C-alpha cells in the first residue's frame, strides 16, 4: 500500500475504534437503564402487592364491623380493641415508610443514571 493508502487505513482504523468505544458506552448505559427499570418494576410490584394486602385488610375490617359502629361479629374489650387498632396503625405507618424509602432509593438511582 502507498503512504496515502496507509494513512487512509490508519484514519479508518481510528474512526472504527472510536465508533466501537462509543457503542460500548451506549451499550453500558442501556444495560444500566434496563437494570434500573427492572428494579423499579420489582419495587412497584412489591408496593402494589402491599397495597392490595392493605386493601384486603381494610375490607375485612369493614366486614368484621370495624367501620362506622356496625355490629361486631365478636366481642372484644375496649382496651384490647384500642391496642389492636394502634398496632394496625403502627403497621400501616411502617409499611408506608418502607414504600417511601424504596421510592426515595429509586429516585436516587434514577438521578444517578441520568447523570451518567
Protein backbone atom coordinates (compact mmCIF):
# COMPACT_ATOMS: atom_id res chain seq x y z
CA UNK A 1 0.00 0.00 0.00
CA UNK A 2 1.09 3.52 -0.70
CA UNK A 3 1.69 6.08 2.00
CA UNK A 4 -1.64 7.72 1.20
CA UNK A 5 -3.46 4.38 1.46
CA UNK A 6 -1.72 3.58 4.77
CA UNK A 7 -2.75 6.98 6.14
CA UNK A 8 -6.31 6.41 5.00
CA UNK A 9 -6.31 2.94 6.57
CA UNK A 10 -4.99 4.36 9.86
CA UNK A 11 -7.68 7.05 9.83
CA UNK A 12 -10.36 4.45 9.19
CA UNK A 13 -8.99 2.25 11.99
CA UNK A 14 -9.15 5.22 14.37
CA UNK A 15 -12.71 6.00 13.31
CA UNK A 16 -13.66 2.37 13.79
CA UNK A 17 -12.04 2.29 17.24
CA UNK A 18 -13.92 5.48 18.27
CA UNK A 19 -17.18 4.08 16.92
CA UNK A 20 -16.67 0.83 18.83
CA UNK A 21 -15.87 2.72 22.03
CA UNK A 22 -18.97 4.88 21.57
CA UNK A 23 -21.06 1.78 21.03
CA UNK A 24 -19.64 0.13 24.16
CA UNK A 25 -20.52 3.25 26.16
CA UNK A 26 -24.06 3.25 24.75
CA UNK A 27 -24.44 -0.46 25.48
CA UNK A 28 -23.29 0.07 29.07
CA UNK A 29 -25.69 2.96 29.56
CA UNK A 30 -28.55 0.92 28.10
CA UNK A 31 -27.69 -2.03 30.35
CA UNK A 32 -27.77 0.26 33.39
CA UNK A 33 -31.10 1.68 32.26
CA UNK A 34 -32.58 -1.79 31.78
CA UNK A 35 -31.30 -2.87 35.22
CA UNK A 36 -32.72 0.27 36.82
CA UNK A 37 -36.08 -0.19 35.14
CA UNK A 38 -36.22 -3.87 36.14
CA UNK A 39 -35.51 -2.90 39.75
CA UNK A 40 -38.16 -0.21 39.53
CA UNK A 41 -40.68 -2.75 38.18
CA UNK A 42 -39.87 -5.11 41.05
CA UNK A 43 -40.27 -2.30 43.59
CA UNK A 44 -43.58 -1.24 42.09
CA UNK A 45 -44.83 -4.84 42.00
CA UNK A 46 -43.94 -5.20 45.68
CA UNK A 47 -45.65 -1.92 46.51
CA UNK A 48 -48.72 -2.97 44.51
CA UNK A 49 -48.90 -6.29 46.39
CA UNK A 50 -48.59 -4.46 49.73
CA UNK A 51 -51.35 -2.05 48.77
CA UNK A 52 -53.59 -4.93 47.68
CA UNK A 53 -52.94 -6.61 51.03
CA UNK A 54 -53.79 -3.41 52.88
CA UNK A 55 -56.97 -3.08 50.80
CA UNK A 56 -57.97 -6.66 51.70
CA UNK A 57 -57.28 -5.98 55.40
CA UNK A 58 -59.38 -2.81 55.33
CA UNK A 59 -62.21 -4.58 53.50
CA UNK A 60 -62.10 -7.39 56.05
CA UNK A 61 -62.11 -4.85 58.85
CA UNK A 62 -65.26 -3.32 57.37
CA UNK A 63 -66.85 -6.76 57.04
CA UNK A 64 -65.92 -7.55 60.64
CA UNK A 65 -67.76 -4.44 61.75
CA UNK A 66 -64.80 -2.19 62.37
CA UNK A 67 -66.30 0.73 60.45
CA UNK A 68 -68.99 3.23 61.43
CA UNK A 69 -70.12 1.42 64.53
CA UNK A 70 -71.54 -1.58 62.70
CA UNK A 71 -72.28 -4.56 64.92
CA UNK A 72 -69.20 -6.67 65.53
CA UNK A 73 -69.10 -10.40 64.90
CA UNK A 74 -67.17 -10.90 68.09
CA UNK A 75 -66.88 -9.01 71.34
CA UNK A 76 -63.60 -7.55 72.46
CA UNK A 77 -62.99 -5.40 75.50
CA UNK A 78 -62.20 -1.73 74.84
CA UNK A 79 -58.53 -1.92 75.84
CA UNK A 80 -57.82 -4.87 73.54
CA UNK A 81 -59.69 -3.20 70.67
CA UNK A 82 -57.77 0.03 71.17
CA UNK A 83 -54.46 -1.87 71.26
CA UNK A 84 -55.38 -3.77 68.08
CA UNK A 85 -56.18 -0.53 66.27
CA UNK A 86 -52.94 1.06 67.50
CA UNK A 87 -51.00 -1.98 66.23
CA UNK A 88 -52.71 -1.75 62.85
CA UNK A 89 -51.91 1.95 62.64
CA UNK A 90 -48.24 1.34 63.52
CA UNK A 91 -48.11 -1.44 60.91
CA UNK A 92 -49.60 0.79 58.21
CA UNK A 93 -47.21 3.62 59.11
CA UNK A 94 -44.23 1.25 58.94
CA UNK A 95 -45.38 -0.06 55.55
CA UNK A 96 -45.81 3.48 54.24
CA UNK A 97 -42.35 4.43 55.49
CA UNK A 98 -40.86 1.39 53.73
CA UNK A 99 -42.62 2.36 50.50
CA UNK A 100 -41.38 5.93 50.84
CA UNK A 101 -37.81 4.72 51.46
CA UNK A 102 -37.93 2.48 48.39
CA UNK A 103 -39.35 5.37 46.35
CA UNK A 104 -36.51 7.66 47.52
CA UNK A 105 -33.92 4.99 46.66
CA UNK A 106 -35.49 4.52 43.23
CA UNK A 107 -35.48 8.27 42.60
CA UNK A 108 -31.82 8.48 43.69
CA UNK A 109 -30.87 5.66 41.29
CA UNK A 110 -32.79 7.41 38.52
CA UNK A 111 -30.88 10.66 39.15
CA UNK A 112 -27.55 8.82 39.19
CA UNK A 113 -28.39 7.01 35.95
CA UNK A 114 -29.35 10.25 34.25
CA UNK A 115 -26.02 11.80 35.29
CA UNK A 116 -24.07 9.01 33.59
